[in-house]
C-alpha atoms as a PDB file:
ATOM      1  CA  ASP A   1       0.000   0.000   0.000  1.00  0.00           C
ATOM      2  CA  TRP A   2       1.187   3.523  -0.713  1.00  0.00           C
ATOM      3  CA  PHE A   3       0.308   6.701   1.168  1.00  0.00           C
ATOM      4  CA  GLU A   4       1.268  10.287   0.440  1.00  0.00           C
ATOM      5  CA  LEU A   5       2.789  12.454   3.181  1.00  0.00           C
ATOM      6  CA  SER A   6       2.892  16.229   3.037  1.00  0.00           C
ATOM      7  CA  VAL A   7       5.891  17.392   5.072  1.00  0.00           C
ATOM      8  CA  ASN A   8       6.765  20.881   6.284  1.00  0.00           C
ATOM      9  CA  ARG A   9      10.268  22.022   7.120  1.00  0.00           C
ATOM     10  CA  GLY A  10      11.189  20.935  10.655  1.00  0.00           C
ATOM     11  CA  ASP A  11       8.543  18.200  10.939  1.00  0.00           C
ATOM     12  CA  ILE A  12       9.451  15.052  12.854  1.00  0.00           C
ATOM     13  CA  ILE A  13       7.157  12.139  12.038  1.00  0.00           C
ATOM     14  CA  ASN A  14       7.242   8.800  13.861  1.00  0.00           C
ATOM     15  CA  VAL A  15       5.764   6.030  11.723  1.00  0.00           C
ATOM     16  CA  LEU A  16       4.517   2.892  13.497  1.00  0.00           C
ATOM     17  CA  VAL A  17       2.999  -0.132  11.744  1.00  0.00           C
ATOM     18  CA  SER A  18       1.525  -2.923  13.893  1.00  0.00           C
ATOM     19  CA  PHE A  19       0.694  -6.255  12.268  1.00  0.00           C
ATOM     20  CA  PRO A  20      -0.111  -9.899  13.095  1.00  0.00           C
ATOM     21  CA  GLY A  21       2.643 -12.027  14.610  1.00  0.00           C
ATOM     22  CA  GLY A  22       4.741 -14.079  12.223  1.00  0.00           C
ATOM     23  CA  VAL A  23       4.426 -11.527   9.399  1.00  0.00           C
ATOM     24  CA  ASP A  24       7.289  -9.329   8.215  1.00  0.00           C
ATOM     25  CA  ILE A  25       6.325  -5.784   7.196  1.00  0.00           C
ATOM     26  CA  ASP A  26       8.781  -3.261   5.727  1.00  0.00           C
ATOM     27  CA  LEU A  27       8.454   0.494   5.244  1.00  0.00           C
ATOM     28  CA  GLU A  28       9.887   2.642   2.470  1.00  0.00           C
ATOM     29  CA  VAL A  29       9.783   6.422   1.975  1.00  0.00           C
ATOM     30  CA  LEU A  30      10.305   7.989  -1.448  1.00  0.00           C
ATOM     31  CA  LYS A  31      10.292  11.572  -2.702  1.00  0.00           C
ATOM     32  CA  ALA A  32       7.029  11.950  -4.594  1.00  0.00           C
ATOM     33  CA  ALA A  33       8.616  14.186  -7.239  1.00  0.00           C
ATOM     34  CA  ASP A  34      11.286  11.781  -8.475  1.00  0.00           C
ATOM     35  CA  GLY A  35      10.902   8.467  -6.613  1.00  0.00           C
ATOM     36  CA  ALA A  36      14.267   8.758  -4.835  1.00  0.00           C
ATOM     37  CA  LYS A  37      14.428   6.610  -1.688  1.00  0.00           C
ATOM     38  CA  VAL A  38      15.002   8.676   1.463  1.00  0.00           C
ATOM     39  CA  ALA A  39      14.384   6.120   4.239  1.00  0.00           C
ATOM     40  CA  GLU A  40      13.401   2.529   4.939  1.00  0.00           C
ATOM     41  CA  ALA A  41      12.759   0.170   7.846  1.00  0.00           C
ATOM     42  CA  THR A  42      13.390  -3.509   7.174  1.00  0.00           C
ATOM     43  CA  GLY A  43      13.191  -5.294  10.519  1.00  0.00           C
ATOM     44  CA  ASP A  44      12.198  -8.951  10.666  1.00  0.00           C
ATOM     45  CA  ALA A  45       8.961 -10.480  11.956  1.00  0.00           C
ATOM     46  CA  ARG A  46      10.106  -9.952  15.553  1.00  0.00           C
ATOM     47  CA  SER A  47      10.134  -6.138  15.016  1.00  0.00           C
ATOM     48  CA  ASN A  48       6.503  -5.397  15.764  1.00  0.00           C
ATOM     49  CA  PRO A  49       5.580  -2.657  15.420  1.00  0.00           C
ATOM     50  CA  GLU A  50       7.883  -1.644  12.578  1.00  0.00           C
ATOM     51  CA  ARG A  51       9.195   1.860  13.351  1.00  0.00           C
ATOM     52  CA  LEU A  52      10.635   4.677  11.287  1.00  0.00           C
ATOM     53  CA  VAL A  53      11.470   8.245  12.360  1.00  0.00           C
ATOM     54  CA  LEU A  54      11.414  10.879   9.639  1.00  0.00           C
ATOM     55  CA  SER A  55      13.243  14.121  10.365  1.00  0.00           C
ATOM     56  CA  HIS A  56      15.351  16.658   8.489  1.00  0.00           C
ATOM     57  CA  LEU A  57      13.328  16.112   5.329  1.00  0.00           C
ATOM     58  CA  GLU A  58      12.988  18.778   2.689  1.00  0.00           C
ATOM     59  CA  GLU A  59       9.558  20.369   2.587  1.00  0.00           C
ATOM     60  CA  GLY A  60       7.315  18.628   0.083  1.00  0.00           C
ATOM     61  CA  ASN A  61       5.430  15.433  -0.651  1.00  0.00           C
ATOM     62  CA  TYR A  62       6.676  11.927   0.057  1.00  0.00           C
ATOM     63  CA  LEU A  63       5.332   8.443  -0.568  1.00  0.00           C
ATOM     64  CA  LEU A  64       5.189   5.974   2.315  1.00  0.00           C
ATOM     65  CA  GLY A  65       5.116   2.340   1.205  1.00  0.00           C
ATOM     66  CA  VAL A  66       3.957  -0.460   3.505  1.00  0.00           C
ATOM     67  CA  ARG A  67       4.832  -3.838   2.066  1.00  0.00           C
ATOM     68  CA  ARG A  68       5.045  -7.419   3.216  1.00  0.00           C
ATOM     69  CA  TYR A  69       8.404  -9.133   2.941  1.00  0.00           C
ATOM     70  CA  LEU A  70       8.046 -12.677   1.624  1.00  0.00           C
ATOM     71  CA  SER A  71      10.692 -15.390   1.815  1.00  0.00           C
ATOM     72  CA  GLU A  72      10.990 -17.875  -1.041  1.00  0.00           C
ATOM     73  CA  ASP A  73       8.700 -20.386   0.680  1.00  0.00           C
ATOM     74  CA  GLU A  74       5.898 -17.920   1.504  1.00  0.00           C
ATOM     75  CA  THR A  75       2.952 -16.925  -0.652  1.00  0.00           C
ATOM     76  CA  ASP A  76       1.440 -13.460  -0.821  1.00  0.00           C
ATOM     77  CA  GLY A  77      -1.867 -12.705   0.812  1.00  0.00           C
ATOM     78  CA  ASP A  78      -3.778  -9.866   2.364  1.00  0.00           C
ATOM     79  CA  ILE A  79      -2.963  -8.934   5.940  1.00  0.00           C
ATOM     80  CA  THR A  80      -4.402  -6.349   8.278  1.00  0.00           C
ATOM     81  CA  TYR A  81      -2.115  -3.747   9.794  1.00  0.00           C
ATOM     82  CA  ALA A  82      -2.485  -0.537  11.796  1.00  0.00           C
ATOM     83  CA  LEU A  83      -0.586   2.536  10.594  1.00  0.00           C
ATOM     84  CA  GLU A  84       0.038   5.335  13.079  1.00  0.00           C
ATOM     85  CA  LEU A  85       1.842   8.620  12.551  1.00  0.00           C
ATOM     86  CA  ALA A  86       2.950   9.940  15.936  1.00  0.00           C
ATOM     87  CA  GLY A  87       3.924  13.564  16.301  1.00  0.00           C
ATOM     88  CA  CYS A  88       0.951  14.795  14.305  1.00  0.00           C
ATOM     89  CA  ILE A  89      -2.683  15.286  15.176  1.00  0.00           C
ATOM     90  CA  ASP A  90      -5.317  13.128  13.445  1.00  0.00           C
ATOM     91  CA  ASN A  91      -2.780  11.856  10.882  1.00  0.00           C
ATOM     92  CA  THR A  92      -2.985  15.209   9.090  1.00  0.00           C
ATOM     93  CA  TYR A  93       0.127  14.389   7.026  1.00  0.00           C
ATOM     94  CA  LEU A  94      -1.439  11.358   5.413  1.00  0.00           C
ATOM     95  CA  SER A  95      -3.564  10.707   2.359  1.00  0.00           C
ATOM     96  CA  LYS A  96      -3.994   7.426   0.507  1.00  0.00           C
END
């Protein structure tokens, strides 16, 4: 899933993604303008919730990707996760 973040200069955004046990979720942040990767969190299934702190970003729009990591012996499937942006009120940075 991809979400768009609108970031102002000086913003600090804490991204938390909680998910079912035994699943491995990774996060990726790209500049919306050119797709350049600016941050990622790639913990394993024991890192729940997955965490990422965004700071010192240029003002502008960014894409936040939430994806499931699959090993060679796993098959893809839908999972439910909770996405929280701490440091902002009512997730005002986020649009899907």
